C-alpha atoms as a PDB file:
ATOM      1  CA  MET A   1     -87.035 -94.347 -59.971  1.00  0.00           C
ATOM      2  CA  LYS A   2     -90.239 -95.888 -60.082  1.00  0.00           C
ATOM      3  CA  LEU A   3     -91.087 -98.379 -57.552  1.00  0.00           C
ATOM      4  CA  ALA A   4     -94.257-100.636 -58.227  1.00  0.00           C
ATOM      5  CA  THR A   5     -96.890-103.785 -57.368  1.00  0.00           C
ATOM      6  CA  PHE A   6     -98.147-104.738 -60.181  1.00  0.00           C
ATOM      7  CA  THR A   7    -100.606-107.329 -61.786  1.00  0.00           C
ATOM      8  CA  TYR A   8    -100.228-109.647 -64.985  1.00  0.00           C
ATOM      9  CA  SER A   9    -101.628-112.511 -66.090  1.00  0.00           C
ATOM     10  CA  GLY A  10    -102.934-112.979 -62.876  1.00  0.00           C
ATOM     11  CA  GLN A  11     -99.017-113.356 -60.924  1.00  0.00           C
ATOM     12  CA  THR A  12     -98.596-110.318 -58.403  1.00  0.00           C
ATOM     13  CA  ARG A  13     -95.488-108.994 -58.664  1.00  0.00           C
ATOM     14  CA  ILE A  14     -92.415-105.404 -58.454  1.00  0.00           C
ATOM     15  CA  GLY A  15     -91.613-103.816 -61.814  1.00  0.00           C
ATOM     16  CA  VAL A  16     -90.074-100.536 -62.430  1.00  0.00           C
ATOM     17  CA  VAL A  17     -91.992 -97.513 -64.334  1.00  0.00           C
ATOM     18  CA  VAL A  18     -89.861 -96.609 -66.737  1.00  0.00           C
ATOM     19  CA  GLY A  19     -91.440 -94.142 -68.874  1.00  0.00           C
ATOM     20  CA  ASP A  20     -94.865 -96.080 -70.816  1.00  0.00           C
ATOM     21  CA  GLU A  21     -92.948 -99.768 -69.820  1.00  0.00           C
ATOM     22  CA  LEU A  22     -92.511-101.405 -66.468  1.00  0.00           C
ATOM     23  CA  ALA A  23     -89.462-103.989 -66.214  1.00  0.00           C
ATOM     24  CA  ASP A  24     -90.731-106.843 -64.675  1.00  0.00           C
ATOM     25  CA  LEU A  25     -88.462-107.391 -62.148  1.00  0.00           C
ATOM     26  CA  ALA A  26     -89.445-112.101 -62.097  1.00  0.00           C
ATOM     27  CA  SER A  27     -86.804-111.423 -65.395  1.00  0.00           C
ATOM     28  CA  THR A  28     -84.190-110.548 -62.564  1.00  0.00           C
ATOM     29  CA  LYS A  29     -83.237-113.004 -59.847  1.00  0.00           C
ATOM     30  CA  LEU A  30     -84.401-109.703 -57.401  1.00  0.00           C
ATOM     31  CA  PRO A  31     -87.870-110.147 -54.723  1.00  0.00           C
ATOM     32  CA  THR A  32     -90.138-110.250 -55.878  1.00  0.00           C
ATOM     33  CA  ASP A  33     -92.452-108.335 -53.378  1.00  0.00           C
ATOM     34  CA  MET A  34     -92.000-104.808 -52.481  1.00  0.00           C
ATOM     35  CA  VAL A  35     -91.427-106.394 -48.481  1.00  0.00           C
ATOM     36  CA  SER A  36     -88.875-108.243 -49.054  1.00  0.00           C
ATOM     37  CA  LEU A  37     -87.135-105.466 -51.920  1.00  0.00           C
ATOM     38  CA  LEU A  38     -86.843-102.965 -48.757  1.00  0.00           C
ATOM     39  CA  GLU A  39     -85.976-105.199 -47.019  1.00  0.00           C
ATOM     40  CA  GLY A  40     -82.302-105.475 -48.336  1.00  0.00           C
ATOM     41  CA  GLY A  41     -82.593-101.816 -47.970  1.00  0.00           C
ATOM     42  CA  PRO A  42     -80.219 -99.457 -50.579  1.00  0.00           C
ATOM     43  CA  SER A  43     -77.977-101.883 -52.005  1.00  0.00           C
ATOM     44  CA  MET A  44     -80.826-103.592 -53.120  1.00  0.00           C
ATOM     45  CA  LEU A  45     -82.177-100.538 -54.768  1.00  0.00           C
ATOM     46  CA  ASP A  46     -78.922-100.847 -55.892  1.00  0.00           C
ATOM     47  CA  ALA A  47     -79.116-103.833 -58.129  1.00  0.00           C
ATOM     48  CA  VAL A  48     -82.541-102.725 -58.572  1.00  0.00           C
ATOM     49  CA  ARG A  49     -81.083-100.308 -60.770  1.00  0.00           C
ATOM     50  CA  ALA A  50     -78.625-102.368 -62.235  1.00  0.00           C
ATOM     51  CA  ALA A  51     -80.987-105.074 -63.860  1.00  0.00           C
ATOM     52  CA  LEU A  52     -83.386-102.528 -65.218  1.00  0.00           C
ATOM     53  CA  PRO A  53     -81.448-102.660 -68.692  1.00  0.00           C
ATOM     54  CA  THR A  54     -81.956-106.083 -68.776  1.00  0.00           C
ATOM     55  CA  ALA A  55     -85.014-107.012 -67.100  1.00  0.00           C
ATOM     56  CA  SER A  56     -88.072-107.392 -69.402  1.00  0.00           C
ATOM     57  CA  ARG A  57     -90.383-104.947 -70.860  1.00  0.00           C
ATOM     58  CA  LEU A  58     -94.183-104.749 -70.097  1.00  0.00           C
ATOM     59  CA  PRO A  59     -96.855-102.269 -71.507  1.00  0.00           C
ATOM     60  CA  LEU A  60     -97.626 -99.905 -68.455  1.00  0.00           C
ATOM     61  CA  SER A  61    -100.959-100.013 -70.199  1.00  0.00           C
ATOM     62  CA  SER A  62    -101.233-103.823 -70.062  1.00  0.00           C
ATOM     63  CA  VAL A  63    -101.448-104.143 -66.352  1.00  0.00           C
ATOM     64  CA  ARG A  64    -102.471-103.471 -62.882  1.00  0.00           C
ATOM     65  CA  LEU A  65    -100.966-101.125 -60.769  1.00  0.00           C
ATOM     66  CA  GLU A  66    -101.312-102.783 -57.208  1.00  0.00           C
ATOM     67  CA  ALA A  67    -100.603-100.938 -53.725  1.00  0.00           C
ATOM     68  CA  PRO A  68     -96.795-100.266 -53.582  1.00  0.00           C
ATOM     69  CA  VAL A  69     -97.131-101.570 -49.962  1.00  0.00           C
ATOM     70  CA  LEU A  70    -100.018-104.474 -50.336  1.00  0.00           C
ATOM     71  CA  ARG A  71     -99.869-105.260 -46.304  1.00  0.00           C
ATOM     72  CA  PRO A  72     -97.771-103.659 -44.394  1.00  0.00           C
ATOM     73  CA  ARG A  73     -96.483-104.395 -41.163  1.00  0.00           C
ATOM     74  CA  LYS A  74     -97.853-101.503 -39.833  1.00  0.00           C
ATOM     75  CA  PHE A  75     -99.847 -98.430 -41.284  1.00  0.00           C
ATOM     76  CA  LEU A  76     -99.646 -94.806 -38.756  1.00  0.00           C
ATOM     77  CA  GLY A  77    -101.499 -91.468 -39.719  1.00  0.00           C
ATOM     78  CA  LEU A  78    -100.292 -88.091 -38.301  1.00  0.00           C
ATOM     79  CA  GLY A  79    -103.304 -86.395 -38.002  1.00  0.00           C
ATOM     80  CA  ALA A  80    -103.588 -82.009 -37.120  1.00  0.00           C
ATOM     81  CA  SER A  81     -99.708 -81.849 -38.965  1.00  0.00           C
ATOM     82  CA  TYR A  82    -100.360 -79.132 -41.754  1.00  0.00           C
ATOM     83  CA  GLY A  83    -100.124 -75.918 -39.939  1.00  0.00           C
ATOM     84  CA  SER A  84    -103.406 -74.861 -42.576  1.00  0.00           C
ATOM     85  CA  HIS A  85    -105.990 -77.833 -41.122  1.00  0.00           C
ATOM     86  CA  ILE A  86    -105.050 -76.891 -37.729  1.00  0.00           C
ATOM     87  CA  LYS A  87    -106.564 -73.580 -39.067  1.00  0.00           C
ATOM     88  CA  GLU A  88    -109.896 -74.502 -41.028  1.00  0.00           C
ATOM     89  CA  VAL A  89    -110.745 -77.349 -38.432  1.00  0.00           C
ATOM     90  CA  ALA A  90    -110.506 -74.617 -34.999  1.00  0.00           C
ATOM     91  CA  HIS A  91    -113.759 -74.786 -34.298  1.00  0.00           C
ATOM     92  CA  ILE A  92    -113.501 -78.148 -33.966  1.00  0.00           C
ATOM     93  CA  MET A  93    -110.842 -79.353 -32.689  1.00  0.00           C
ATOM     94  CA  PRO A  94    -108.273 -77.718 -30.390  1.00  0.00           C
ATOM     95  CA  PRO A  95    -104.584 -76.999 -31.856  1.00  0.00           C
ATOM     96  CA  PRO A  96    -102.724 -80.959 -30.364  1.00  0.00           C
ATOM     97  CA  LYS A  97     -99.655 -80.547 -27.938  1.00  0.00           C
ATOM     98  CA  HIS A  98     -97.927 -83.435 -29.061  1.00  0.00           C
ATOM     99  CA  GLN A  99     -97.748 -85.392 -32.636  1.00  0.00           C
ATOM    100  CA  THR A 100    -100.983 -87.317 -32.576  1.00  0.00           C
ATOM    101  CA  TRP A 101    -100.359 -90.793 -34.060  1.00  0.00           C
ATOM    102  CA  PHE A 102    -103.163 -93.505 -34.904  1.00  0.00           C
ATOM    103  CA  ASN A 103    -103.660 -96.312 -36.449  1.00  0.00           C
ATOM    104  CA  LYS A 104    -105.287 -96.671 -40.071  1.00  0.00           C
ATOM    105  CA  GLN A 105    -106.252-100.715 -40.301  1.00  0.00           C
ATOM    106  CA  VAL A 106    -103.860-102.635 -42.961  1.00  0.00           C
ATOM    107  CA  THR A 107    -107.120-104.162 -43.750  1.00  0.00           C
ATOM    108  CA  CYS A 108    -108.126-100.857 -45.300  1.00  0.00           C
ATOM    109  CA  VAL A 109    -105.065-100.828 -48.025  1.00  0.00           C
ATOM    110  CA  ASN A 110    -106.697-100.106 -52.156  1.00  0.00           C
ATOM    111  CA  GLY A 111    -105.032-100.143 -54.757  1.00  0.00           C
ATOM    112  CA  PRO A 112    -104.308 -96.661 -56.062  1.00  0.00           C
ATOM    113  CA  TYR A 113    -107.449 -96.631 -58.560  1.00  0.00           C
ATOM    114  CA  ASP A 114    -109.258 -98.613 -57.672  1.00  0.00           C
ATOM    115  CA  ASP A 115    -112.744 -97.805 -56.429  1.00  0.00           C
ATOM    116  CA  ILE A 116    -113.183 -96.988 -52.121  1.00  0.00           C
ATOM    117  CA  ASP A 117    -116.510 -97.311 -50.698  1.00  0.00           C
ATOM    118  CA  MET A 118    -119.233 -95.980 -49.299  1.00  0.00           C
ATOM    119  CA  PRO A 119    -120.052 -97.623 -45.200  1.00  0.00           C
ATOM    120  CA  ARG A 120    -123.164 -98.996 -44.984  1.00  0.00           C
ATOM    121  CA  VAL A 121    -123.348 -97.041 -41.025  1.00  0.00           C
ATOM    122  CA  SER A 122    -122.242 -93.720 -42.366  1.00  0.00           C
ATOM    123  CA  ASN A 123    -122.729 -90.796 -45.252  1.00  0.00           C
ATOM    124  CA  THR A 124    -120.168 -88.960 -43.877  1.00  0.00           C
ATOM    125  CA  LEU A 125    -117.347 -89.829 -46.051  1.00  0.00           C
ATOM    126  CA  ASP A 126    -114.182 -87.303 -46.409  1.00  0.00           C
ATOM    127  CA  TYR A 127    -110.745 -87.242 -48.473  1.00  0.00           C
ATOM    128  CA  GLU A 128    -107.544 -86.058 -46.838  1.00  0.00           C
ATOM    129  CA  GLY A 129    -104.800 -86.325 -49.373  1.00  0.00           C
ATOM    130  CA  GLU A 130    -101.142 -87.388 -48.030  1.00  0.00           C
ATOM    131  CA  LEU A 131     -97.385 -87.585 -48.579  1.00  0.00           C
ATOM    132  CA  ALA A 132     -96.309 -91.261 -47.212  1.00  0.00           C
ATOM    133  CA  ILE A 133     -93.771 -92.354 -45.692  1.00  0.00           C
ATOM    134  CA  VAL A 134     -92.104 -96.125 -46.673  1.00  0.00           C
ATOM    135  CA  ILE A 135     -90.173 -96.680 -44.079  1.00  0.00           C
ATOM    136  CA  GLY A 136     -86.884 -98.836 -45.731  1.00  0.00           C
ATOM    137  CA  ALA A 137     -85.027-100.210 -42.749  1.00  0.00           C
ATOM    138  CA  ARG A 138     -85.891-101.623 -38.987  1.00  0.00           C
ATOM    139  CA  GLY A 139     -85.317 -98.903 -36.636  1.00  0.00           C
ATOM    140  CA  ARG A 140     -85.873 -98.402 -32.463  1.00  0.00           C
ATOM    141  CA  ASN A 141     -84.678 -95.587 -31.036  1.00  0.00           C
ATOM    142  CA  VAL A 142     -83.490 -93.119 -34.087  1.00  0.00           C
ATOM    143  CA  LYS A 143     -81.719 -90.371 -33.602  1.00  0.00           C
ATOM    144  CA  GLY A 144     -79.693 -88.649 -35.538  1.00  0.00           C
ATOM    145  CA  PRO A 145     -78.652 -88.835 -39.285  1.00  0.00           C
ATOM    146  CA  ALA A 146     -79.778 -92.163 -39.201  1.00  0.00           C
ATOM    147  CA  LEU A 147     -83.610 -91.111 -39.424  1.00  0.00           C
ATOM    148  CA  ARG A 148     -83.347 -90.315 -43.054  1.00  0.00           C
ATOM    149  CA  GLN A 149     -81.795 -93.441 -43.745  1.00  0.00           C
ATOM    150  CA  MET A 150     -85.115 -94.673 -42.390  1.00  0.00           C
ATOM    151  CA  ILE A 151     -86.515 -93.742 -44.843  1.00  0.00           C
ATOM    152  CA  ALA A 152     -86.929 -95.817 -48.270  1.00  0.00           C
ATOM    153  CA  GLY A 153     -89.141 -93.711 -50.303  1.00  0.00           C
ATOM    154  CA  PHE A 154     -92.454 -92.330 -50.793  1.00  0.00           C
ATOM    155  CA  THR A 155     -95.819 -91.953 -52.185  1.00  0.00           C
ATOM    156  CA  VAL A 156     -99.011 -91.046 -52.631  1.00  0.00           C
ATOM    157  CA  CYS A 157    -102.021 -91.312 -50.234  1.00  0.00           C
ATOM    158  CA  ASN A 158    -106.029 -90.867 -49.886  1.00  0.00           C
ATOM    159  CA  ASP A 159    -106.480 -91.150 -46.084  1.00  0.00           C
ATOM    160  CA  VAL A 160    -109.953 -91.493 -46.432  1.00  0.00           C
ATOM    161  CA  SER A 161    -112.251 -90.802 -43.540  1.00  0.00           C
ATOM    162  CA  VAL A 162    -115.290 -91.650 -42.202  1.00  0.00           C
ATOM    163  CA  ARG A 163    -116.015 -88.477 -39.673  1.00  0.00           C
ATOM    164  CA  GLU A 164    -118.796 -89.559 -38.307  1.00  0.00           C
ATOM    165  CA  TRP A 165    -116.862 -92.950 -37.050  1.00  0.00           C
ATOM    166  CA  GLN A 166    -113.676 -90.777 -36.115  1.00  0.00           C
ATOM    167  CA  MET A 167    -115.433 -88.911 -33.502  1.00  0.00           C
ATOM    168  CA  ARG A 168    -117.103 -92.025 -31.816  1.00  0.00           C
ATOM    169  CA  ALA A 169    -113.471 -92.494 -29.825  1.00  0.00           C
ATOM    170  CA  SER A 170    -110.205 -90.320 -29.239  1.00  0.00           C
ATOM    171  CA  THR A 171    -108.729 -93.341 -31.062  1.00  0.00           C
ATOM    172  CA  ALA A 172    -109.804 -92.330 -35.116  1.00  0.00           C
ATOM    173  CA  THR A 173    -109.198 -95.687 -35.708  1.00  0.00           C
ATOM    174  CA  LEU A 174    -112.278 -97.225 -36.721  1.00  0.00           C
ATOM    175  CA  GLY A 175    -113.163 -94.304 -38.432  1.00  0.00           C
ATOM    176  CA  LYS A 176    -110.027 -94.704 -40.303  1.00  0.00           C
ATOM    177  CA  SER A 177    -109.987 -98.074 -41.038  1.00  0.00           C
ATOM    178  CA  PHE A 178    -113.434 -98.787 -42.927  1.00  0.00           C
ATOM    179  CA  ASP A 179    -112.245-102.048 -45.880  1.00  0.00           C
ATOM    180  CA  THR A 180    -111.008 -99.964 -49.617  1.00  0.00           C
ATOM    181  CA  HIS A 181    -109.931 -96.415 -47.607  1.00  0.00           C
ATOM    182  CA  GLY A 182    -106.417 -96.651 -47.501  1.00  0.00           C
ATOM    183  CA  PRO A 183    -105.330 -95.375 -51.646  1.00  0.00           C
ATOM    184  CA  LEU A 184    -102.045 -95.889 -51.830  1.00  0.00           C
ATOM    185  CA  GLY A 185     -99.404 -95.216 -54.787  1.00  0.00           C
ATOM    186  CA  PRO A 186     -98.969 -96.020 -57.903  1.00  0.00           C
ATOM    187  CA  TRP A 187     -95.891 -96.244 -56.811  1.00  0.00           C
ATOM    188  CA  ILE A 188     -92.935 -95.940 -54.731  1.00  0.00           C
ATOM    189  CA  VAL A 189     -90.201 -92.578 -55.199  1.00  0.00           C
ATOM    190  CA  PRO A 190     -86.710 -93.654 -53.666  1.00  0.00           C
ATOM    191  CA  THR A 191     -85.942 -90.309 -50.605  1.00  0.00           C
ATOM    192  CA  ASP A 192     -82.542 -89.706 -53.361  1.00  0.00           C
ATOM    193  CA  GLU A 193     -84.734 -89.555 -55.817  1.00  0.00           C
ATOM    194  CA  LEU A 194     -86.953 -86.117 -53.849  1.00  0.00           C
ATOM    195  CA  PRO A 195     -84.190 -84.273 -52.634  1.00  0.00           C
ATOM    196  CA  ASN A 196     -87.029 -81.468 -51.789  1.00  0.00           C
ATOM    197  CA  ILE A 197     -89.088 -83.306 -49.183  1.00  0.00           C
ATOM    198  CA  HIS A 198     -89.942 -80.473 -47.005  1.00  0.00           C
ATOM    199  CA  LYS A 199     -91.387 -78.439 -50.703  1.00  0.00           C
ATOM    200  CA  LEU A 200     -93.393 -80.676 -52.647  1.00  0.00           C
ATOM    201  CA  SER A 201     -96.861 -79.641 -53.795  1.00  0.00           C
ATOM    202  CA  LEU A 202    -100.209 -82.036 -52.691  1.00  0.00           C
ATOM    203  CA  ARG A 203    -103.386 -80.147 -54.295  1.00  0.00           C
ATOM    204  CA  THR A 204    -106.397 -82.907 -54.290  1.00  0.00           C
ATOM    205  CA  TRP A 205    -110.098 -82.691 -56.609  1.00  0.00           C
ATOM    206  CA  VAL A 206    -113.478 -83.975 -56.686  1.00  0.00           C
ATOM    207  CA  ASN A 207    -114.935 -84.311 -59.529  1.00  0.00           C
ATOM    208  CA  GLY A 208    -112.309 -82.203 -60.854  1.00  0.00           C
ATOM    209  CA  GLU A 209    -113.042 -79.437 -58.521  1.00  0.00           C
ATOM    210  CA  LEU A 210    -109.721 -78.493 -57.288  1.00  0.00           C
ATOM    211  CA  ARG A 211    -110.523 -79.113 -52.790  1.00  0.00           C
ATOM    212  CA  GLN A 212    -107.418 -79.183 -51.377  1.00  0.00           C
ATOM    213  CA  ASP A 213    -103.536 -77.099 -52.236  1.00  0.00           C
ATOM    214  CA  GLY A 214    -101.092 -77.112 -50.125  1.00  0.00           C
ATOM    215  CA  ASN A 215     -97.419 -77.525 -50.029  1.00  0.00           C
ATOM    216  CA  THR A 216     -95.191 -80.001 -47.582  1.00  0.00           C
ATOM    217  CA  SER A 217     -93.956 -77.147 -46.196  1.00  0.00           C
ATOM    218  CA  ASP A 218     -96.481 -76.219 -44.714  1.00  0.00           C
ATOM    219  CA  LEU A 219     -96.134 -78.981 -41.999  1.00  0.00           C
ATOM    220  CA  ILE A 220     -94.944 -77.884 -38.738  1.00  0.00           C
ATOM    221  CA  TYR A 221     -92.977 -82.014 -37.617  1.00  0.00           C
ATOM    222  CA  ARG A 222     -90.617 -82.665 -40.084  1.00  0.00           C
ATOM    223  CA  PHE A 223     -90.583 -86.267 -41.200  1.00  0.00           C
ATOM    224  CA  ALA A 224     -87.284 -87.066 -38.924  1.00  0.00           C
ATOM    225  CA  GLU A 225     -89.780 -85.910 -36.013  1.00  0.00           C
ATOM    226  CA  MET A 226     -92.358 -87.845 -37.251  1.00  0.00           C
ATOM    227  CA  ILE A 227     -89.888 -91.232 -37.037  1.00  0.00           C
ATOM    228  CA  GLU A 228     -87.500 -89.646 -33.961  1.00  0.00           C
ATOM    229  CA  GLU A 229     -91.535 -89.971 -31.811  1.00  0.00           C
ATOM    230  CA  LEU A 230     -92.017 -93.454 -32.994  1.00  0.00           C
ATOM    231  CA  THR A 231     -89.378 -95.706 -32.615  1.00  0.00           C
ATOM    232  CA  ALA A 232     -88.885 -93.588 -28.807  1.00  0.00           C
ATOM    233  CA  VAL A 233     -92.324 -95.953 -28.823  1.00  0.00           C
ATOM    234  CA  PHE A 234     -91.746 -99.381 -30.609  1.00  0.00           C
ATOM    235  CA  THR A 235     -89.620-100.874 -33.644  1.00  0.00           C
ATOM    236  CA  LEU A 236     -90.633 -99.013 -37.909  1.00  0.00           C
ATOM    237  CA  GLU A 237     -90.069-101.524 -39.769  1.00  0.00           C
ATOM    238  CA  PRO A 238     -89.531-102.015 -43.665  1.00  0.00           C
ATOM    239  CA  GLY A 239     -93.028-101.876 -45.570  1.00  0.00           C
ATOM    240  CA  ASP A 240     -94.645 -99.458 -43.043  1.00  0.00           C
ATOM    241  CA  VAL A 241     -96.345 -96.949 -43.982  1.00  0.00           C
ATOM    242  CA  LEU A 242     -96.736 -93.272 -42.311  1.00  0.00           C
ATOM    243  CA  ALA A 243     -99.207 -91.168 -44.145  1.00  0.00           C
ATOM    244  CA  THR A 244     -98.091 -87.678 -42.785  1.00  0.00           C
ATOM    245  CA  GLY A 245    -100.674 -85.433 -42.795  1.00  0.00           C
ATOM    246  CA  THR A 246    -103.413 -83.721 -44.812  1.00  0.00           C
ATOM    247  CA  PRO A 247    -102.974 -79.915 -45.939  1.00  0.00           C
ATOM    248  CA  ALA A 248    -106.857 -77.273 -45.777  1.00  0.00           C
ATOM    249  CA  GLY A 249    -109.649 -78.374 -47.333  1.00  0.00           C
ATOM    250  CA  VAL A 250    -111.363 -81.534 -46.629  1.00  0.00           C
ATOM    251  CA  GLY A 251    -115.223 -81.397 -46.679  1.00  0.00           C
ATOM    252  CA  GLY A 252    -115.832 -82.147 -42.961  1.00  0.00           C
ATOM    253  CA  ALA A 253    -114.212 -78.238 -42.350  1.00  0.00           C
ATOM    254  CA  ARG A 254    -116.452 -77.133 -44.874  1.00  0.00           C
ATOM    255  CA  GLN A 255    -119.686 -74.648 -44.018  1.00  0.00           C
ATOM    256  CA  PRO A 256    -121.932 -76.992 -44.295  1.00  0.00           C
ATOM    257  CA  PRO A 257    -119.487 -80.337 -44.688  1.00  0.00           C
ATOM    258  CA  GLU A 258    -119.573 -81.294 -47.445  1.00  0.00           C
ATOM    259  CA  TYR A 259    -118.530 -85.242 -48.126  1.00  0.00           C
ATOM    260  CA  LEU A 260    -119.127 -87.563 -50.748  1.00  0.00           C
ATOM    261  CA  LYS A 261    -121.021 -89.131 -52.526  1.00  0.00           C
ATOM    262  CA  ILE A 262    -121.743 -92.559 -54.930  1.00  0.00           C
ATOM    263  CA  GLY A 263    -119.814 -91.221 -58.118  1.00  0.00           C
ATOM    264  CA  ASP A 264    -117.413 -88.553 -57.149  1.00  0.00           C
ATOM    265  CA  VAL A 265    -114.018 -89.389 -58.025  1.00  0.00           C
ATOM    266  CA  VAL A 266    -110.798 -87.557 -56.162  1.00  0.00           C
ATOM    267  CA  LYS A 267    -107.886 -87.191 -57.091  1.00  0.00           C
ATOM    268  CA  VAL A 268    -104.346 -86.852 -54.519  1.00  0.00           C
ATOM    269  CA  GLU A 269    -101.634 -86.114 -56.890  1.00  0.00           C
ATOM    270  CA  ILE A 270     -97.967 -85.032 -55.170  1.00  0.00           C
ATOM    271  CA  GLU A 271     -94.769 -83.407 -56.618  1.00  0.00           C
ATOM    272  CA  GLY A 272     -92.203 -85.180 -58.463  1.00  0.00           C
ATOM    273  CA  ILE A 273     -94.476 -88.516 -57.541  1.00  0.00           C
ATOM    274  CA  GLY A 274     -97.660 -88.891 -58.850  1.00  0.00           C
ATOM    275  CA  HIS A 275    -101.507 -88.941 -59.092  1.00  0.00           C
ATOM    276  CA  ILE A 276    -103.858 -91.510 -57.795  1.00  0.00           C
ATOM    277  CA  GLN A 277    -107.426 -91.066 -58.700  1.00  0.00           C
ATOM    278  CA  ASN A 278    -110.646 -93.485 -57.004  1.00  0.00           C
ATOM    279  CA  ARG A 279    -114.217 -93.504 -57.838  1.00  0.00           C
ATOM    280  CA  VAL A 280    -116.621 -93.395 -54.539  1.00  0.00           C
ATOM    281  CA  PHE A 281    -118.669 -96.699 -54.787  1.00  0.00           C
ATOM    282  CA  ALA A 282    -122.179 -98.051 -52.905  1.00  0.00           C
ATOM    283  CA  GLN A 283    -120.258-100.651 -50.519  1.00  0.00           C
ATOM    284  CA  PRO A 284    -120.546-103.949 -51.946  1.00  0.00           C
END
């Protein structure tokens, strides 16, 4: 099941992608926004599956796919979580002793196929293909089997980064939060449909050139460990997005660095989910 947020005839709502069609949940009695749907938990997802046979269908080509969660309450990113990436940036920063999380301000959220801005204030624009967790339950101090139940599903993310601004302060937030620098999508795939979440290929291309060729098996933290760490501090809520880090191959780690330019096209693809693709455009 592919849970999507889409716009059709000027109205934005949610549906399920089925082949080359989209089952429009507005034709059912189910919620019409993703956060409300996720707040219903597993029983709501069961209700979605049950409603699919009678939901009206739209051609997928006729809708505009949006970020699955348009305005998450929290959008967090994990730095230095892949062994291969830690090695490639060892000359820039030491390996972290603990999980290193940062905020991406939610105004950076962008659609799966929308343009990303080249900032006026810096040309050190970089890509980071990542698997993102979408939280499906409210939880604090979560441990044990409940950790997996916190995850509604997964989506694809490009943690677009402005390296110059990322390095201006230890929090990295400014360099990670420029408007349009959080493409997500193209949909959410529920956890129970991705049995091998710790063995998914993740690849990133720039203008057709393969730049990142990683696998979630290279993550130094399990997804449950990430949620346990965060909920020891604060409550996670349905719709929160956790970008789980990037493998080796980012432009800033190349010698010399190879940053994105206006007109470049970045494609991020994750096994079992799909791909997003974004073009770099001059900031309006």
